[in-house]
Amino acid sequence: MTGEPQPFTERERVIEAVTTLFVSIDNRDWDSVSSCLTDKVLFNTTLTEGNPEILSRGRIIQDWQDALECFEAIHHQVGNFLVRFLENEVNVFCYGIAYHYLPNRSNRNTKLFVGSYDIRLVQQEGRWRINAFTFISKFVSGNLKLGE
């Protein structure tokens, strides 16, 4: 393939915004995570069995920091993106896996999360930002007590 790089399509910009969130979490780049979210986010995860809550961006980041600080490595992988544009927002469905890694005496060093995400984004300050985030767990395996 020759020639100049082609600009992103709007679909690619949306996927880039979602992917940036997960890469930034893995890198513990909380400023970048912050830039991926709106001030308030409708947040829900089946892992906590809670009802959807509107949480501040700061609260979400603090909760993720608290939960993930003990791990030596974190790895999220997302794919199978289905992107649906609506009038003023876009809905993204994708599969996701996350590995948490913490060496320990038992040599059971990983915990694996498998599920899917429903993510809604809106345009804000010229970029796509997440204003609703749902994780639906299919299963968790490995060392279920890792990080406790």
C-alpha atoms as a PDB file:
ATOM      1  CA  MET A   1       0.000   0.000   0.000  1.00  0.00           C
ATOM      2  CA  THR A   2       1.416   3.369  -0.961  1.00  0.00           C
ATOM      3  CA  GLY A   3       0.478   6.975  -0.492  1.00  0.00           C
ATOM      4  CA  GLU A   4      -0.474   9.125   2.444  1.00  0.00           C
ATOM      5  CA  PRO A   5      -2.081   7.624   5.543  1.00  0.00           C
ATOM      6  CA  GLN A   6      -5.838   7.944   5.407  1.00  0.00           C
ATOM      7  CA  PRO A   7      -7.687   9.809   8.170  1.00  0.00           C
ATOM      8  CA  PHE A   8      -9.696   7.844  10.693  1.00  0.00           C
ATOM      9  CA  THR A   9     -13.338   7.223   9.983  1.00  0.00           C
ATOM     10  CA  GLU A  10     -15.740   8.211  12.753  1.00  0.00           C
ATOM     11  CA  ARG A  11     -16.187   4.519  13.629  1.00  0.00           C
ATOM     12  CA  GLU A  12     -12.423   4.179  14.025  1.00  0.00           C
ATOM     13  CA  ARG A  13     -12.342   7.263  16.277  1.00  0.00           C
ATOM     14  CA  VAL A  14     -14.957   5.679  18.526  1.00  0.00           C
ATOM     15  CA  ILE A  15     -13.063   2.363  18.738  1.00  0.00           C
ATOM     16  CA  GLU A  16      -9.840   4.300  19.413  1.00  0.00           C
ATOM     17  CA  ALA A  17     -11.545   6.088  22.331  1.00  0.00           C
ATOM     18  CA  VAL A  18     -12.683   2.784  23.869  1.00  0.00           C
ATOM     19  CA  THR A  19      -9.323   1.100  23.295  1.00  0.00           C
ATOM     20  CA  THR A  20      -7.496   4.087  24.784  1.00  0.00           C
ATOM     21  CA  LEU A  21      -9.472   3.659  28.011  1.00  0.00           C
ATOM     22  CA  PHE A  22      -8.331   0.059  28.471  1.00  0.00           C
ATOM     23  CA  VAL A  23      -4.702   0.640  27.445  1.00  0.00           C
ATOM     24  CA  SER A  24      -4.558   3.619  29.819  1.00  0.00           C
ATOM     25  CA  ILE A  25      -5.922   1.503  32.689  1.00  0.00           C
ATOM     26  CA  ASP A  26      -3.275  -1.162  31.973  1.00  0.00           C
ATOM     27  CA  ASN A  27      -0.577   1.518  32.002  1.00  0.00           C
ATOM     28  CA  ARG A  28      -2.081   3.126  35.105  1.00  0.00           C
ATOM     29  CA  ASP A  29      -2.127   6.409  33.210  1.00  0.00           C
ATOM     30  CA  TRP A  30      -4.953   7.951  35.220  1.00  0.00           C
ATOM     31  CA  ASP A  31      -4.778  11.312  33.431  1.00  0.00           C
ATOM     32  CA  SER A  32      -5.405   9.539  30.142  1.00  0.00           C
ATOM     33  CA  VAL A  33      -8.206   7.473  31.724  1.00  0.00           C
ATOM     34  CA  SER A  34      -9.742  10.726  32.937  1.00  0.00           C
ATOM     35  CA  SER A  35      -9.673  12.183  29.433  1.00  0.00           C
ATOM     36  CA  CYS A  36     -11.679   9.184  28.168  1.00  0.00           C
ATOM     37  CA  LEU A  37     -14.636   9.821  30.503  1.00  0.00           C
ATOM     38  CA  THR A  38     -17.259  12.528  30.884  1.00  0.00           C
ATOM     39  CA  ASP A  39     -17.597  14.235  34.282  1.00  0.00           C
ATOM     40  CA  LYS A  40     -20.394  11.812  35.277  1.00  0.00           C
ATOM     41  CA  VAL A  41     -20.729   8.235  34.007  1.00  0.00           C
ATOM     42  CA  LEU A  42     -23.607   5.793  34.274  1.00  0.00           C
ATOM     43  CA  PHE A  43     -21.578   2.888  35.651  1.00  0.00           C
ATOM     44  CA  ASN A  44     -22.552  -0.738  36.121  1.00  0.00           C
ATOM     45  CA  THR A  45     -20.758  -4.041  36.479  1.00  0.00           C
ATOM     46  CA  THR A  46     -22.168  -7.475  37.154  1.00  0.00           C
ATOM     47  CA  LEU A  47     -19.060  -8.172  39.251  1.00  0.00           C
ATOM     48  CA  THR A  48     -20.392  -5.997  42.068  1.00  0.00           C
ATOM     49  CA  GLU A  49     -24.018  -7.093  41.555  1.00  0.00           C
ATOM     50  CA  GLY A  50     -25.056  -3.490  41.964  1.00  0.00           C
ATOM     51  CA  ASN A  51     -27.533  -1.365  40.149  1.00  0.00           C
ATOM     52  CA  PRO A  52     -26.311   1.182  37.638  1.00  0.00           C
ATOM     53  CA  GLU A  53     -25.074   4.312  39.392  1.00  0.00           C
ATOM     54  CA  ILE A  54     -24.102   7.719  38.139  1.00  0.00           C
ATOM     55  CA  LEU A  55     -20.555   8.156  39.402  1.00  0.00           C
ATOM     56  CA  SER A  56     -18.093  10.982  39.054  1.00  0.00           C
ATOM     57  CA  ARG A  57     -15.085  10.417  36.851  1.00  0.00           C
ATOM     58  CA  GLY A  58     -12.868  10.947  39.920  1.00  0.00           C
ATOM     59  CA  ARG A  59     -14.704   8.274  41.922  1.00  0.00           C
ATOM     60  CA  ILE A  60     -14.395   5.711  39.099  1.00  0.00           C
ATOM     61  CA  ILE A  61     -10.688   6.384  38.721  1.00  0.00           C
ATOM     62  CA  GLN A  62     -10.113   6.210  42.487  1.00  0.00           C
ATOM     63  CA  ASP A  63     -12.008   2.899  42.687  1.00  0.00           C
ATOM     64  CA  TRP A  64      -9.948   1.468  39.814  1.00  0.00           C
ATOM     65  CA  GLN A  65      -6.706   2.704  41.393  1.00  0.00           C
ATOM     66  CA  ASP A  66      -7.634   1.129  44.736  1.00  0.00           C
ATOM     67  CA  ALA A  67      -8.587  -2.191  43.123  1.00  0.00           C
ATOM     68  CA  LEU A  68      -5.619  -2.446  40.765  1.00  0.00           C
ATOM     69  CA  GLU A  69      -2.667  -0.929  42.633  1.00  0.00           C
ATOM     70  CA  CYS A  70      -1.571  -4.251  44.155  1.00  0.00           C
ATOM     71  CA  PHE A  71      -1.078  -6.053  40.824  1.00  0.00           C
ATOM     72  CA  GLU A  72       2.268  -6.291  39.100  1.00  0.00           C
ATOM     73  CA  ALA A  73       0.560  -6.269  35.697  1.00  0.00           C
ATOM     74  CA  ILE A  74      -2.891  -5.753  34.239  1.00  0.00           C
ATOM     75  CA  HIS A  75      -3.885  -6.596  30.671  1.00  0.00           C
ATOM     76  CA  HIS A  76      -7.189  -5.817  28.970  1.00  0.00           C
ATOM     77  CA  GLN A  77      -7.990  -7.061  25.481  1.00  0.00           C
ATOM     78  CA  VAL A  78     -11.144  -5.916  23.694  1.00  0.00           C
ATOM     79  CA  GLY A  79     -12.528  -6.781  20.287  1.00  0.00           C
ATOM     80  CA  ASN A  80     -15.495  -7.800  18.161  1.00  0.00           C
ATOM     81  CA  PHE A  81     -16.682  -4.210  18.176  1.00  0.00           C
ATOM     82  CA  LEU A  82     -20.253  -3.474  17.155  1.00  0.00           C
ATOM     83  CA  VAL A  83     -20.668   0.283  16.787  1.00  0.00           C
ATOM     84  CA  ARG A  84     -24.111   1.881  16.462  1.00  0.00           C
ATOM     85  CA  PHE A  85     -24.441   5.602  15.831  1.00  0.00           C
ATOM     86  CA  LEU A  86     -27.542   7.340  17.148  1.00  0.00           C
ATOM     87  CA  GLU A  87     -28.505  11.010  16.883  1.00  0.00           C
ATOM     88  CA  ASN A  88     -26.176  12.476  19.549  1.00  0.00           C
ATOM     89  CA  GLU A  89     -24.323   9.441  20.836  1.00  0.00           C
ATOM     90  CA  VAL A  90     -22.821   6.132  19.852  1.00  0.00           C
ATOM     91  CA  ASN A  91     -23.244   2.721  21.473  1.00  0.00           C
ATOM     92  CA  VAL A  92     -20.405   0.226  21.418  1.00  0.00           C
ATOM     93  CA  PHE A  93     -20.638  -3.461  22.271  1.00  0.00           C
ATOM     94  CA  CYS A  94     -17.438  -5.470  22.524  1.00  0.00           C
ATOM     95  CA  TYR A  95     -16.033  -8.602  24.070  1.00  0.00           C
ATOM     96  CA  GLY A  96     -13.357  -8.198  26.687  1.00  0.00           C
ATOM     97  CA  ILE A  97     -10.880 -10.156  28.745  1.00  0.00           C
ATOM     98  CA  ALA A  98      -8.730  -8.881  31.575  1.00  0.00           C
ATOM     99  CA  TYR A  99      -5.788 -10.545  33.253  1.00  0.00           C
ATOM    100  CA  HIS A 100      -4.589  -9.501  36.675  1.00  0.00           C
ATOM    101  CA  TYR A 101      -1.089 -10.753  37.512  1.00  0.00           C
ATOM    102  CA  LEU A 102       0.503 -10.911  40.939  1.00  0.00           C
ATOM    103  CA  PRO A 103       3.348 -13.358  41.657  1.00  0.00           C
ATOM    104  CA  ASN A 104       2.801 -15.200  44.933  1.00  0.00           C
ATOM    105  CA  ARG A 105       3.877 -18.290  46.870  1.00  0.00           C
ATOM    106  CA  SER A 106       1.070 -20.476  45.524  1.00  0.00           C
ATOM    107  CA  ASN A 107       2.311 -19.834  41.969  1.00  0.00           C
ATOM    108  CA  ARG A 108      -1.338 -19.197  41.056  1.00  0.00           C
ATOM    109  CA  ASN A 109      -0.439 -15.775  39.763  1.00  0.00           C
ATOM    110  CA  THR A 110      -3.359 -14.766  37.561  1.00  0.00           C
ATOM    111  CA  LYS A 111      -7.030 -14.003  37.696  1.00  0.00           C
ATOM    112  CA  LEU A 112      -8.933 -13.894  34.404  1.00  0.00           C
ATOM    113  CA  PHE A 113     -12.152 -11.975  33.728  1.00  0.00           C
ATOM    114  CA  VAL A 114     -14.139 -12.747  30.569  1.00  0.00           C
ATOM    115  CA  GLY A 115     -17.233 -10.881  29.473  1.00  0.00           C
ATOM    116  CA  SER A 116     -18.601  -8.104  27.354  1.00  0.00           C
ATOM    117  CA  TYR A 117     -18.969  -4.349  27.541  1.00  0.00           C
ATOM    118  CA  ASP A 118     -21.783  -2.007  26.608  1.00  0.00           C
ATOM    119  CA  ILE A 119     -20.321   1.481  26.343  1.00  0.00           C
ATOM    120  CA  ARG A 120     -22.011   4.728  25.318  1.00  0.00           C
ATOM    121  CA  LEU A 121     -20.004   7.701  24.103  1.00  0.00           C
ATOM    122  CA  VAL A 122     -20.876  11.323  23.390  1.00  0.00           C
ATOM    123  CA  GLN A 123     -18.988  14.074  21.596  1.00  0.00           C
ATOM    124  CA  GLN A 124     -17.361  16.467  24.025  1.00  0.00           C
ATOM    125  CA  GLU A 125     -14.693  19.059  23.261  1.00  0.00           C
ATOM    126  CA  GLY A 126     -14.154  17.582  19.805  1.00  0.00           C
ATOM    127  CA  ARG A 127     -13.632  13.980  20.896  1.00  0.00           C
ATOM    128  CA  TRP A 128     -15.616  10.918  21.884  1.00  0.00           C
ATOM    129  CA  ARG A 129     -15.925  10.403  25.646  1.00  0.00           C
ATOM    130  CA  ILE A 130     -17.562   7.612  27.621  1.00  0.00           C
ATOM    131  CA  ASN A 131     -20.686   8.537  29.578  1.00  0.00           C
ATOM    132  CA  ALA A 132     -22.062   5.033  30.224  1.00  0.00           C
ATOM    133  CA  PHE A 133     -20.041   1.883  30.996  1.00  0.00           C
ATOM    134  CA  THR A 134     -21.380  -1.614  31.675  1.00  0.00           C
ATOM    135  CA  PHE A 135     -19.384  -4.822  32.107  1.00  0.00           C
ATOM    136  CA  ILE A 136     -21.288  -8.097  31.880  1.00  0.00           C
ATOM    137  CA  SER A 137     -19.254 -10.973  33.295  1.00  0.00           C
ATOM    138  CA  LYS A 138     -19.420 -14.375  31.610  1.00  0.00           C
ATOM    139  CA  PHE A 139     -16.953 -15.981  33.999  1.00  0.00           C
ATOM    140  CA  VAL A 140     -13.961 -15.385  36.236  1.00  0.00           C
ATOM    141  CA  SER A 141     -11.245 -18.021  36.590  1.00  0.00           C
ATOM    142  CA  GLY A 142      -7.775 -18.541  37.965  1.00  0.00           C
ATOM    143  CA  ASN A 143      -6.828 -17.507  41.467  1.00  0.00           C
ATOM    144  CA  LEU A 144     -10.087 -15.928  42.632  1.00  0.00           C
ATOM    145  CA  LYS A 145      -8.432 -14.610  45.812  1.00  0.00           C
ATOM    146  CA  LEU A 146      -5.617 -12.881  43.932  1.00  0.00           C
ATOM    147  CA  GLY A 147      -5.130  -9.353  45.240  1.00  0.00           C
ATOM    148  CA  GLU A 148      -7.258  -9.756  48.368  1.00  0.00           C
END
